[in-house]
Amino acid sequence: MANECLFCRILAGKIPATFVYEDDLCVAFPDINPQARAHVLIVPKEHLVSLAYAAPKHTALLGHLMATAAEVARRQHLERGYRVVVNTGTEGGQTVEHLHLHLLGGRYMDWPPG
């Protein structure tokens, strides 16, 4: 399944994407269907279907993804604020079965979302 995953194919270079951030654990690139002026996906290099599959062994990775979101937000000049979203499962709005964070900013974020 991982080899057919959209994000795994991007990570393997089979689908082009412009990375705005990359390190040993994750990459970040603009969403192809942006919902805000800044809409960046932060994707771990390890294939993990969703947050529902996270285990204690993933604690460091999950923390790293959040720290990366803060770094990407700085690089995107989102000083006025931003939102980090993790969609999990079909009812949670997840459309790609590979854990990823949405970093959204550059506009006021209403509440409640969805």
PDB file of N, CA and C in Angstrom:
ATOM      1  N   MET A   1       0.819  -1.193   0.000  1.00  0.00           N
ATOM      2  CA  MET A   1       0.000   0.000   0.000  1.00  0.00           C
ATOM      3  C   MET A   1       0.859   1.251   0.000  1.00  0.00           C
ATOM      4  N   ALA A   2       1.926   1.285   0.787  1.00  0.00           N
ATOM      5  CA  ALA A   2       2.754   2.484   0.881  1.00  0.00           C
ATOM      6  C   ALA A   2       3.326   2.883  -0.471  1.00  0.00           C
ATOM      7  N   ASN A   3       3.683   1.916  -1.313  1.00  0.00           N
ATOM      8  CA  ASN A   3       4.274   2.271  -2.604  1.00  0.00           C
ATOM      9  C   ASN A   3       3.258   2.900  -3.550  1.00  0.00           C
ATOM     10  N   GLU A   4       1.956   2.714  -3.285  1.00  0.00           N
ATOM     11  CA  GLU A   4       0.918   3.327  -4.109  1.00  0.00           C
ATOM     12  C   GLU A   4       0.397   4.631  -3.509  1.00  0.00           C
ATOM     13  N   CYS A   5       0.786   4.930  -2.310  1.00  0.00           N
ATOM     14  CA  CYS A   5       0.339   6.123  -1.608  1.00  0.00           C
ATOM     15  C   CYS A   5       0.827   7.380  -2.343  1.00  0.00           C
ATOM     16  N   LEU A   6      -0.053   8.343  -2.508  1.00  0.00           N
ATOM     17  CA  LEU A   6       0.288   9.590  -3.187  1.00  0.00           C
ATOM     18  C   LEU A   6       1.510  10.250  -2.558  1.00  0.00           C
ATOM     19  N   PHE A   7       1.523  10.375  -1.237  1.00  0.00           N
ATOM     20  CA  PHE A   7       2.646  11.053  -0.590  1.00  0.00           C
ATOM     21  C   PHE A   7       3.927  10.229  -0.672  1.00  0.00           C
ATOM     22  N   CYS A   8       3.818   8.907  -0.604  1.00  0.00           N
ATOM     23  CA  CYS A   8       5.015   8.071  -0.771  1.00  0.00           C
ATOM     24  C   CYS A   8       5.580   8.226  -2.180  1.00  0.00           C
ATOM     25  N   ARG A   9       4.712   8.381  -3.158  1.00  0.00           N
ATOM     26  CA  ARG A   9       5.168   8.599  -4.536  1.00  0.00           C
ATOM     27  C   ARG A   9       5.844   9.963  -4.671  1.00  0.00           C
ATOM     28  N   ILE A  10       5.332  10.966  -3.991  1.00  0.00           N
ATOM     29  CA  ILE A  10       5.988  12.283  -3.981  1.00  0.00           C
ATOM     30  C   ILE A  10       7.356  12.166  -3.315  1.00  0.00           C
ATOM     31  N   LEU A  11       7.407  11.486  -2.171  1.00  0.00           N
ATOM     32  CA  LEU A  11       8.676  11.314  -1.461  1.00  0.00           C
ATOM     33  C   LEU A  11       9.704  10.552  -2.296  1.00  0.00           C
ATOM     34  N   ALA A  12       9.228   9.630  -3.129  1.00  0.00           N
ATOM     35  CA  ALA A  12      10.121   8.845  -3.986  1.00  0.00           C
ATOM     36  C   ALA A  12      10.510   9.594  -5.262  1.00  0.00           C
ATOM     37  N   GLY A  13       9.967  10.788  -5.465  1.00  0.00           N
ATOM     38  CA  GLY A  13      10.283  11.574  -6.655  1.00  0.00           C
ATOM     39  C   GLY A  13       9.503  11.156  -7.889  1.00  0.00           C
ATOM     40  N   LYS A  14       8.493  10.318  -7.726  1.00  0.00           N
ATOM     41  CA  LYS A  14       7.693   9.856  -8.863  1.00  0.00           C
ATOM     42  C   LYS A  14       6.633  10.875  -9.266  1.00  0.00           C
ATOM     43  N   ILE A  15       6.273  11.742  -8.341  1.00  0.00           N
ATOM     44  CA  ILE A  15       5.346  12.847  -8.594  1.00  0.00           C
ATOM     45  C   ILE A  15       6.064  14.110  -8.151  1.00  0.00           C
ATOM     46  N   PRO A  16       6.129  15.116  -9.030  1.00  0.00           N
ATOM     47  CA  PRO A  16       6.874  16.327  -8.663  1.00  0.00           C
ATOM     48  C   PRO A  16       6.161  17.148  -7.582  1.00  0.00           C
ATOM     49  N   ALA A  17       6.958  17.720  -6.718  1.00  0.00           N
ATOM     50  CA  ALA A  17       6.473  18.643  -5.693  1.00  0.00           C
ATOM     51  C   ALA A  17       7.627  19.568  -5.345  1.00  0.00           C
ATOM     52  N   THR A  18       7.288  20.793  -5.021  1.00  0.00           N
ATOM     53  CA  THR A  18       8.293  21.765  -4.605  1.00  0.00           C
ATOM     54  C   THR A  18       8.314  21.805  -3.086  1.00  0.00           C
ATOM     55  N   PHE A  19       9.374  21.288  -2.505  1.00  0.00           N
ATOM     56  CA  PHE A  19       9.483  21.270  -1.051  1.00  0.00           C
ATOM     57  C   PHE A  19       9.878  22.649  -0.541  1.00  0.00           C
ATOM     58  N   VAL A  20       9.143  23.141   0.437  1.00  0.00           N
ATOM     59  CA  VAL A  20       9.506  24.396   1.107  1.00  0.00           C
ATOM     60  C   VAL A  20      10.306  24.106   2.360  1.00  0.00           C
ATOM     61  N   TYR A  21      10.373  22.817   2.717  1.00  0.00           N
ATOM     62  CA  TYR A  21      11.149  22.376   3.878  1.00  0.00           C
ATOM     63  C   TYR A  21      11.430  20.887   3.703  1.00  0.00           C
ATOM     64  N   GLU A  22      12.620  20.469   4.124  1.00  0.00           N
ATOM     65  CA  GLU A  22      12.936  19.041   4.143  1.00  0.00           C
ATOM     66  C   GLU A  22      14.024  18.789   5.178  1.00  0.00           C
ATOM     67  N   ASP A  23      13.868  17.689   5.903  1.00  0.00           N
ATOM     68  CA  ASP A  23      14.909  17.199   6.798  1.00  0.00           C
ATOM     69  C   ASP A  23      14.875  15.677   6.757  1.00  0.00           C
ATOM     70  N   ASP A  24      15.552  15.031   7.673  1.00  0.00           N
ATOM     71  CA  ASP A  24      15.638  13.568   7.660  1.00  0.00           C
ATOM     72  C   ASP A  24      14.300  12.881   7.938  1.00  0.00           C
ATOM     73  N   LEU A  25      13.376  13.578   8.599  1.00  0.00           N
ATOM     74  CA  LEU A  25      12.130  12.949   9.028  1.00  0.00           C
ATOM     75  C   LEU A  25      10.895  13.349   8.237  1.00  0.00           C
ATOM     76  N   CYS A  26      10.923  14.520   7.609  1.00  0.00           N
ATOM     77  CA  CYS A  26       9.707  14.992   6.949  1.00  0.00           C
ATOM     78  C   CYS A  26      10.003  15.990   5.843  1.00  0.00           C
ATOM     79  N   VAL A  27       8.958  16.264   5.073  1.00  0.00           N
ATOM     80  CA  VAL A  27       9.013  17.296   4.036  1.00  0.00           C
ATOM     81  C   VAL A  27       7.771  18.174   4.185  1.00  0.00           C
ATOM     82  N   ALA A  28       7.812  19.345   3.583  1.00  0.00           N
ATOM     83  CA  ALA A  28       6.651  20.230   3.542  1.00  0.00           C
ATOM     84  C   ALA A  28       6.547  20.802   2.140  1.00  0.00           C
ATOM     85  N   PHE A  29       5.323  20.846   1.630  1.00  0.00           N
ATOM     86  CA  PHE A  29       5.096  21.382   0.296  1.00  0.00           C
ATOM     87  C   PHE A  29       3.689  21.974   0.228  1.00  0.00           C
ATOM     88  N   PRO A  30       3.464  22.926  -0.688  1.00  0.00           N
ATOM     89  CA  PRO A  30       2.145  23.555  -0.805  1.00  0.00           C
ATOM     90  C   PRO A  30       1.065  22.551  -1.196  1.00  0.00           C
ATOM     91  N   ASP A  31      -0.108  22.720  -0.611  1.00  0.00           N
ATOM     92  CA  ASP A  31      -1.267  21.902  -0.970  1.00  0.00           C
ATOM     93  C   ASP A  31      -1.715  22.288  -2.379  1.00  0.00           C
ATOM     94  N   ILE A  32      -2.112  21.314  -3.188  1.00  0.00           N
ATOM     95  CA  ILE A  32      -2.537  21.616  -4.563  1.00  0.00           C
ATOM     96  C   ILE A  32      -3.937  22.228  -4.611  1.00  0.00           C
ATOM     97  N   ASN A  33      -4.666  22.165  -3.494  1.00  0.00           N
ATOM     98  CA  ASN A  33      -5.990  22.764  -3.404  1.00  0.00           C
ATOM     99  C   ASN A  33      -6.033  23.649  -2.153  1.00  0.00           C
ATOM    100  N   PRO A  34      -5.315  24.778  -2.189  1.00  0.00           N
ATOM    101  CA  PRO A  34      -5.164  25.595  -0.977  1.00  0.00           C
ATOM    102  C   PRO A  34      -6.481  26.152  -0.460  1.00  0.00           C
ATOM    103  N   GLN A  35      -6.609  26.126   0.864  1.00  0.00           N
ATOM    104  CA  GLN A  35      -7.788  26.660   1.545  1.00  0.00           C
ATOM    105  C   GLN A  35      -7.487  27.970   2.262  1.00  0.00           C
ATOM    106  N   ALA A  36      -6.279  28.474   2.089  1.00  0.00           N
ATOM    107  CA  ALA A  36      -5.857  29.746   2.666  1.00  0.00           C
ATOM    108  C   ALA A  36      -4.669  30.248   1.842  1.00  0.00           C
ATOM    109  N   ARG A  37      -4.284  31.518   2.066  1.00  0.00           N
ATOM    110  CA  ARG A  37      -3.143  32.060   1.318  1.00  0.00           C
ATOM    111  C   ARG A  37      -1.933  31.155   1.486  1.00  0.00           C
ATOM    112  N   ALA A  38      -1.696  30.725   2.701  1.00  0.00           N
ATOM    113  CA  ALA A  38      -0.645  29.751   2.972  1.00  0.00           C
ATOM    114  C   ALA A  38      -1.328  28.446   3.353  1.00  0.00           C
ATOM    115  N   HIS A  39      -1.060  27.396   2.601  1.00  0.00           N
ATOM    116  CA  HIS A  39      -1.592  26.060   2.921  1.00  0.00           C
ATOM    117  C   HIS A  39      -0.512  25.060   2.552  1.00  0.00           C
ATOM    118  N   VAL A  40       0.200  24.618   3.565  1.00  0.00           N
ATOM    119  CA  VAL A  40       1.351  23.742   3.376  1.00  0.00           C
ATOM    120  C   VAL A  40       1.077  22.414   4.064  1.00  0.00           C
ATOM    121  N   LEU A  41       1.428  21.327   3.396  1.00  0.00           N
ATOM    122  CA  LEU A  41       1.317  19.997   3.981  1.00  0.00           C
ATOM    123  C   LEU A  41       2.663  19.593   4.562  1.00  0.00           C
ATOM    124  N   ILE A  42       2.652  19.056   5.752  1.00  0.00           N
ATOM    125  CA  ILE A  42       3.864  18.561   6.404  1.00  0.00           C
ATOM    126  C   ILE A  42       3.698  17.051   6.513  1.00  0.00           C
ATOM    127  N   VAL A  43       4.589  16.334   5.832  1.00  0.00           N
ATOM    128  CA  VAL A  43       4.426  14.899   5.623  1.00  0.00           C
ATOM    129  C   VAL A  43       5.645  14.148   6.150  1.00  0.00           C
ATOM    130  N   PRO A  44       5.441  13.198   7.064  1.00  0.00           N
ATOM    131  CA  PRO A  44       6.580  12.406   7.511  1.00  0.00           C
ATOM    132  C   PRO A  44       7.071  11.478   6.403  1.00  0.00           C
ATOM    133  N   LYS A  45       8.349  11.220   6.383  1.00  0.00           N
ATOM    134  CA  LYS A  45       8.910  10.305   5.390  1.00  0.00           C
ATOM    135  C   LYS A  45       8.522   8.860   5.696  1.00  0.00           C
ATOM    136  N   GLU A  46       8.279   8.569   6.959  1.00  0.00           N
ATOM    137  CA  GLU A  46       7.790   7.245   7.339  1.00  0.00           C
ATOM    138  C   GLU A  46       6.309   7.154   6.982  1.00  0.00           C
ATOM    139  N   HIS A  47       5.920   6.078   6.314  1.00  0.00           N
ATOM    140  CA  HIS A  47       4.505   5.895   5.991  1.00  0.00           C
ATOM    141  C   HIS A  47       3.756   5.459   7.246  1.00  0.00           C
ATOM    142  N   LEU A  48       2.839   6.299   7.669  1.00  0.00           N
ATOM    143  CA  LEU A  48       1.955   6.011   8.784  1.00  0.00           C
ATOM    144  C   LEU A  48       0.566   6.393   8.288  1.00  0.00           C
ATOM    145  N   VAL A  49      -0.356   5.457   8.251  1.00  0.00           N
ATOM    146  CA  VAL A  49      -1.649   5.664   7.601  1.00  0.00           C
ATOM    147  C   VAL A  49      -2.365   6.905   8.130  1.00  0.00           C
ATOM    148  N   SER A  50      -2.425   7.055   9.429  1.00  0.00           N
ATOM    149  CA  SER A  50      -3.095   8.214  10.019  1.00  0.00           C
ATOM    150  C   SER A  50      -2.690   8.336  11.474  1.00  0.00           C
ATOM    151  N   LEU A  51      -3.166   9.393  12.105  1.00  0.00           N
ATOM    152  CA  LEU A  51      -2.896   9.590  13.522  1.00  0.00           C
ATOM    153  C   LEU A  51      -3.464   8.442  14.343  1.00  0.00           C
ATOM    154  N   ALA A  52      -4.524   7.812  13.863  1.00  0.00           N
ATOM    155  CA  ALA A  52      -5.128   6.685  14.571  1.00  0.00           C
ATOM    156  C   ALA A  52      -4.159   5.513  14.716  1.00  0.00           C
ATOM    157  N   TYR A  53      -3.150   5.441  13.861  1.00  0.00           N
ATOM    158  CA  TYR A  53      -2.170   4.361  13.902  1.00  0.00           C
ATOM    159  C   TYR A  53      -0.911   4.740  14.692  1.00  0.00           C
ATOM    160  N   ALA A  54      -0.869   5.936  15.226  1.00  0.00           N
ATOM    161  CA  ALA A  54       0.298   6.363  15.993  1.00  0.00           C
ATOM    162  C   ALA A  54       0.380   5.574  17.289  1.00  0.00           C
ATOM    163  N   ALA A  55       1.585   5.237  17.650  1.00  0.00           N
ATOM    164  CA  ALA A  55       1.857   4.473  18.868  1.00  0.00           C
ATOM    165  C   ALA A  55       2.902   5.231  19.688  1.00  0.00           C
ATOM    166  N   PRO A  56       3.145   4.797  20.908  1.00  0.00           N
ATOM    167  CA  PRO A  56       4.165   5.474  21.713  1.00  0.00           C
ATOM    168  C   PRO A  56       5.502   5.619  20.994  1.00  0.00           C
ATOM    169  N   LYS A  57       5.859   4.674  20.135  1.00  0.00           N
ATOM    170  CA  LYS A  57       7.130   4.783  19.407  1.00  0.00           C
ATOM    171  C   LYS A  57       7.143   5.959  18.441  1.00  0.00           C
ATOM    172  N   HIS A  58       5.999   6.549  18.150  1.00  0.00           N
ATOM    173  CA  HIS A  58       5.915   7.683  17.221  1.00  0.00           C
ATOM    174  C   HIS A  58       5.938   9.042  17.930  1.00  0.00           C
ATOM    175  N   THR A  59       6.069   9.041  19.247  1.00  0.00           N
ATOM    176  CA  THR A  59       5.999  10.289  20.010  1.00  0.00           C
ATOM    177  C   THR A  59       7.004  11.327  19.517  1.00  0.00           C
ATOM    178  N   ALA A  60       8.251  10.929  19.321  1.00  0.00           N
ATOM    179  CA  ALA A  60       9.271  11.885  18.862  1.00  0.00           C
ATOM    180  C   ALA A  60       8.937  12.409  17.469  1.00  0.00           C
ATOM    181  N   LEU A  61       8.468  11.542  16.584  1.00  0.00           N
ATOM    182  CA  LEU A  61       8.099  11.972  15.232  1.00  0.00           C
ATOM    183  C   LEU A  61       6.951  12.976  15.277  1.00  0.00           C
ATOM    184  N   LEU A  62       5.934  12.695  16.072  1.00  0.00           N
ATOM    185  CA  LEU A  62       4.790  13.604  16.159  1.00  0.00           C
ATOM    186  C   LEU A  62       5.214  14.972  16.690  1.00  0.00           C
ATOM    187  N   GLY A  63       6.074  14.982  17.693  1.00  0.00           N
ATOM    188  CA  GLY A  63       6.593  16.251  18.205  1.00  0.00           C
ATOM    189  C   GLY A  63       7.402  16.985  17.151  1.00  0.00           C
ATOM    190  N   HIS A  64       8.185  16.239  16.396  1.00  0.00           N
ATOM    191  CA  HIS A  64       8.990  16.840  15.328  1.00  0.00           C
ATOM    192  C   HIS A  64       8.100  17.465  14.257  1.00  0.00           C
ATOM    193  N   LEU A  65       7.013  16.803  13.918  1.00  0.00           N
ATOM    194  CA  LEU A  65       6.093  17.361  12.914  1.00  0.00           C
ATOM    195  C   LEU A  65       5.505  18.683  13.396  1.00  0.00           C
ATOM    196  N   MET A  66       5.160  18.775  14.682  1.00  0.00           N
ATOM    197  CA  MET A  66       4.623  20.029  15.217  1.00  0.00           C
ATOM    198  C   MET A  66       5.683  21.122  15.234  1.00  0.00           C
ATOM    199  N   ALA A  67       6.901  20.782  15.620  1.00  0.00           N
ATOM    200  CA  ALA A  67       7.991  21.766  15.602  1.00  0.00           C
ATOM    201  C   ALA A  67       8.273  22.217  14.176  1.00  0.00           C
ATOM    202  N   THR A  68       8.170  21.304  13.230  1.00  0.00           N
ATOM    203  CA  THR A  68       8.357  21.653  11.820  1.00  0.00           C
ATOM    204  C   THR A  68       7.254  22.599  11.359  1.00  0.00           C
ATOM    205  N   ALA A  69       6.030  22.370  11.804  1.00  0.00           N
ATOM    206  CA  ALA A  69       4.930  23.278  11.453  1.00  0.00           C
ATOM    207  C   ALA A  69       5.250  24.696  11.916  1.00  0.00           C
ATOM    208  N   ALA A  70       5.789  24.841  13.123  1.00  0.00           N
ATOM    209  CA  ALA A  70       6.157  26.168  13.630  1.00  0.00           C
ATOM    210  C   ALA A  70       7.264  26.792  12.785  1.00  0.00           C
ATOM    211  N   GLU A  71       8.244  25.999  12.395  1.00  0.00           N
ATOM    212  CA  GLU A  71       9.336  26.514  11.554  1.00  0.00           C
ATOM    213  C   GLU A  71       8.827  26.932  10.176  1.00  0.00           C
ATOM    214  N   VAL A  72       7.993  26.112   9.568  1.00  0.00           N
ATOM    215  CA  VAL A  72       7.443  26.453   8.254  1.00  0.00           C
ATOM    216  C   VAL A  72       6.578  27.704   8.368  1.00  0.00           C
ATOM    217  N   ALA A  73       5.813  27.833   9.451  1.00  0.00           N
ATOM    218  CA  ALA A  73       4.996  29.040   9.662  1.00  0.00           C
ATOM    219  C   ALA A  73       5.874  30.287   9.713  1.00  0.00           C
ATOM    220  N   ARG A  74       7.020  30.200  10.387  1.00  0.00           N
ATOM    221  CA  ARG A  74       7.948  31.338  10.413  1.00  0.00           C
ATOM    222  C   ARG A  74       8.433  31.657   9.002  1.00  0.00           C
ATOM    223  N   ARG A  75       8.798  30.633   8.260  1.00  0.00           N
ATOM    224  CA  ARG A  75       9.284  30.833   6.890  1.00  0.00           C
ATOM    225  C   ARG A  75       8.202  31.391   5.968  1.00  0.00           C
ATOM    226  N   GLN A  76       6.944  31.100   6.272  1.00  0.00           N
ATOM    227  CA  GLN A  76       5.820  31.603   5.480  1.00  0.00           C
ATOM    228  C   GLN A  76       5.339  32.972   5.984  1.00  0.00           C
ATOM    229  N   HIS A  77       6.025  33.517   6.988  1.00  0.00           N
ATOM    230  CA  HIS A  77       5.708  34.837   7.557  1.00  0.00           C
ATOM    231  C   HIS A  77       4.287  34.900   8.105  1.00  0.00           C
ATOM    232  N   LEU A  78       3.930  33.900   8.875  1.00  0.00           N
ATOM    233  CA  LEU A  78       2.586  33.825   9.445  1.00  0.00           C
ATOM    234  C   LEU A  78       2.570  34.313  10.894  1.00  0.00           C
ATOM    235  N   GLU A  79       3.221  35.440  11.143  1.00  0.00           N
ATOM    236  CA  GLU A  79       3.348  35.985  12.486  1.00  0.00           C
ATOM    237  C   GLU A  79       2.007  36.285  13.143  1.00  0.00           C
ATOM    238  N   ARG A  80       0.985  36.579  12.359  1.00  0.00           N
ATOM    239  CA  ARG A  80      -0.316  36.951  12.919  1.00  0.00           C
ATOM    240  C   ARG A  80      -1.121  35.735  13.356  1.00  0.00           C
ATOM    241  N   GLY A  81      -0.649  34.552  12.994  1.00  0.00           N
ATOM    242  CA  GLY A  81      -1.330  33.339  13.434  1.00  0.00           C
ATOM    243  C   GLY A  81      -1.529  32.344  12.304  1.00  0.00           C
ATOM    244  N   TYR A  82      -1.834  31.147  12.701  1.00  0.00           N
ATOM    245  CA  TYR A  82      -2.045  30.056  11.748  1.00  0.00           C
ATOM    246  C   TYR A  82      -2.765  28.922  12.454  1.00  0.00           C
ATOM    247  N   ARG A  83      -3.176  27.949  11.684  1.00  0.00           N
ATOM    248  CA  ARG A  83      -3.844  26.767  12.223  1.00  0.00           C
ATOM    249  C   ARG A  83      -3.121  25.532  11.717  1.00  0.00           C
ATOM    250  N   VAL A  84      -2.995  24.529  12.587  1.00  0.00           N
ATOM    251  CA  VAL A  84      -2.436  23.231  12.219  1.00  0.00           C
ATOM    252  C   VAL A  84      -3.559  22.208  12.382  1.00  0.00           C
ATOM    253  N   VAL A  85      -3.821  21.446  11.321  1.00  0.00           N
ATOM    254  CA  VAL A  85      -4.930  20.497  11.306  1.00  0.00           C
ATOM    255  C   VAL A  85      -4.409  19.120  10.928  1.00  0.00           C
ATOM    256  N   VAL A  86      -4.911  18.102  11.616  1.00  0.00           N
ATOM    257  CA  VAL A  86      -4.642  16.716  11.249  1.00  0.00           C
ATOM    258  C   VAL A  86      -5.992  16.034  11.039  1.00  0.00           C
ATOM    259  N   ASN A  87      -6.326  15.743   9.805  1.00  0.00           N
ATOM    260  CA  ASN A  87      -7.551  15.015   9.500  1.00  0.00           C
ATOM    261  C   ASN A  87      -7.263  13.530   9.679  1.00  0.00           C
ATOM    262  N   THR A  88      -8.166  12.827  10.346  1.00  0.00           N
ATOM    263  CA  THR A  88      -7.951  11.417  10.639  1.00  0.00           C
ATOM    264  C   THR A  88      -9.185  10.614  10.254  1.00  0.00           C
ATOM    265  N   GLY A  89      -9.017   9.703   9.319  1.00  0.00           N
ATOM    266  CA  GLY A  89     -10.113   8.834   8.885  1.00  0.00           C
ATOM    267  C   GLY A  89     -11.092   9.538   7.968  1.00  0.00           C
ATOM    268  N   THR A  90     -11.958   8.760   7.393  1.00  0.00           N
ATOM    269  CA  THR A  90     -12.932   9.266   6.417  1.00  0.00           C
ATOM    270  C   THR A  90     -13.813  10.365   7.004  1.00  0.00           C
ATOM    271  N   GLU A  91     -14.383  10.131   8.177  1.00  0.00           N
ATOM    272  CA  GLU A  91     -15.256  11.137   8.772  1.00  0.00           C
ATOM    273  C   GLU A  91     -14.492  12.350   9.262  1.00  0.00           C
ATOM    274  N   GLY A  92     -13.197  12.211   9.445  1.00  0.00           N
ATOM    275  CA  GLY A  92     -12.358  13.334   9.835  1.00  0.00           C
ATOM    276  C   GLY A  92     -11.869  14.143   8.647  1.00  0.00           C
ATOM    277  N   GLY A  93     -12.223  13.718   7.434  1.00  0.00           N
ATOM    278  CA  GLY A  93     -11.850  14.459   6.235  1.00  0.00           C
ATOM    279  C   GLY A  93     -10.525  14.043   5.620  1.00  0.00           C
ATOM    280  N   GLN A  94      -9.932  12.947   6.083  1.00  0.00           N
ATOM    281  CA  GLN A  94      -8.653  12.497   5.522  1.00  0.00           C
ATOM    282  C   GLN A  94      -8.889  11.883   4.145  1.00  0.00           C
ATOM    283  N   THR A  95      -8.171  12.387   3.139  1.00  0.00           N
ATOM    284  CA  THR A  95      -8.325  11.878   1.772  1.00  0.00           C
ATOM    285  C   THR A  95      -7.100  11.135   1.270  1.00  0.00           C
ATOM    286  N   VAL A  96      -5.957  11.297   1.923  1.00  0.00           N
ATOM    287  CA  VAL A  96      -4.740  10.558   1.578  1.00  0.00           C
ATOM    288  C   VAL A  96      -4.356   9.741   2.799  1.00  0.00           C
ATOM    289  N   GLU A  97      -4.226   8.433   2.629  1.00  0.00           N
ATOM    290  CA  GLU A  97      -3.914   7.554   3.759  1.00  0.00           C
ATOM    291  C   GLU A  97      -2.420   7.553   4.062  1.00  0.00           C
ATOM    292  N   HIS A  98      -1.946   8.699   4.496  1.00  0.00           N
ATOM    293  CA  HIS A  98      -0.576   8.906   4.956  1.00  0.00           C
ATOM    294  C   HIS A  98      -0.673  10.100   5.892  1.00  0.00           C
ATOM    295  N   LEU A  99      -0.298   9.910   7.146  1.00  0.00           N
ATOM    296  CA  LEU A  99      -0.377  10.996   8.117  1.00  0.00           C
ATOM    297  C   LEU A  99       0.225  12.271   7.551  1.00  0.00           C
ATOM    298  N   HIS A 100      -0.452  13.394   7.738  1.00  0.00           N
ATOM    299  CA  HIS A 100       0.087  14.688   7.323  1.00  0.00           C
ATOM    300  C   HIS A 100      -0.610  15.795   8.098  1.00  0.00           C
ATOM    301  N   LEU A 101       0.116  16.890   8.274  1.00  0.00           N
ATOM    302  CA  LEU A 101      -0.421  18.073   8.921  1.00  0.00           C
ATOM    303  C   LEU A 101      -0.707  19.117   7.864  1.00  0.00           C
ATOM    304  N   HIS A 102      -1.804  19.830   8.034  1.00  0.00           N
ATOM    305  CA  HIS A 102      -2.119  20.990   7.204  1.00  0.00           C
ATOM    306  C   HIS A 102      -1.747  22.226   8.008  1.00  0.00           C
ATOM    307  N   LEU A 103      -0.907  23.075   7.448  1.00  0.00           N
ATOM    308  CA  LEU A 103      -0.581  24.363   8.036  1.00  0.00           C
ATOM    309  C   LEU A 103      -1.308  25.405   7.202  1.00  0.00           C
ATOM    310  N   LEU A 104      -2.242  26.119   7.827  1.00  0.00           N
ATOM    311  CA  LEU A 104      -3.054  27.117   7.121  1.00  0.00           C
ATOM    312  C   LEU A 104      -2.862  28.478   7.763  1.00  0.00           C
ATOM    313  N   GLY A 105      -2.697  29.492   6.934  1.00  0.00           N
ATOM    314  CA  GLY A 105      -2.544  30.846   7.463  1.00  0.00           C
ATOM    315  C   GLY A 105      -2.728  31.880   6.384  1.00  0.00           C
ATOM    316  N   GLY A 106      -2.625  33.129   6.805  1.00  0.00           N
ATOM    317  CA  GLY A 106      -2.779  34.224   5.858  1.00  0.00           C
ATOM    318  C   GLY A 106      -4.204  34.722   5.736  1.00  0.00           C
ATOM    319  N   ARG A 107      -5.080  34.215   6.587  1.00  0.00           N
ATOM    320  CA  ARG A 107      -6.457  34.693   6.656  1.00  0.00           C
ATOM    321  C   ARG A 107      -6.988  34.369   8.043  1.00  0.00           C
ATOM    322  N   TYR A 108      -8.083  35.024   8.417  1.00  0.00           N
ATOM    323  CA  TYR A 108      -8.699  34.743   9.706  1.00  0.00           C
ATOM    324  C   TYR A 108      -9.331  33.355   9.669  1.00  0.00           C
ATOM    325  N   MET A 109      -9.099  32.572  10.696  1.00  0.00           N
ATOM    326  CA  MET A 109      -9.653  31.233  10.795  1.00  0.00           C
ATOM    327  C   MET A 109     -10.897  31.259  11.691  1.00  0.00           C
ATOM    328  N   ASP A 110     -12.036  31.002  11.097  1.00  0.00           N
ATOM    329  CA  ASP A 110     -13.290  30.965  11.859  1.00  0.00           C
ATOM    330  C   ASP A 110     -13.328  29.753  12.781  1.00  0.00           C
ATOM    331  N   TRP A 111     -14.221  29.834  13.776  1.00  0.00           N
ATOM    332  CA  TRP A 111     -14.444  28.712  14.667  1.00  0.00           C
ATOM    333  C   TRP A 111     -15.939  28.582  14.894  1.00  0.00           C
ATOM    334  N   PRO A 112     -16.523  27.450  14.872  1.00  0.00           N
ATOM    335  CA  PRO A 112     -15.872  26.153  14.727  1.00  0.00           C
ATOM    336  C   PRO A 112     -15.590  25.843  13.268  1.00  0.00           C
ATOM    337  N   PRO A 113     -14.535  25.057  13.030  1.00  0.00           N
ATOM    338  CA  PRO A 113     -14.233  24.643  11.663  1.00  0.00           C
ATOM    339  C   PRO A 113     -15.202  23.543  11.226  1.00  0.00           C
ATOM    340  N   GLY A 114     -15.182  23.260   9.923  1.00  0.00           N
ATOM    341  CA  GLY A 114     -15.984  22.148   9.406  1.00  0.00           C
ATOM    342  C   GLY A 114     -17.379  22.506   9.356  1.00  0.00           C
TER     343      GLY A 114
END
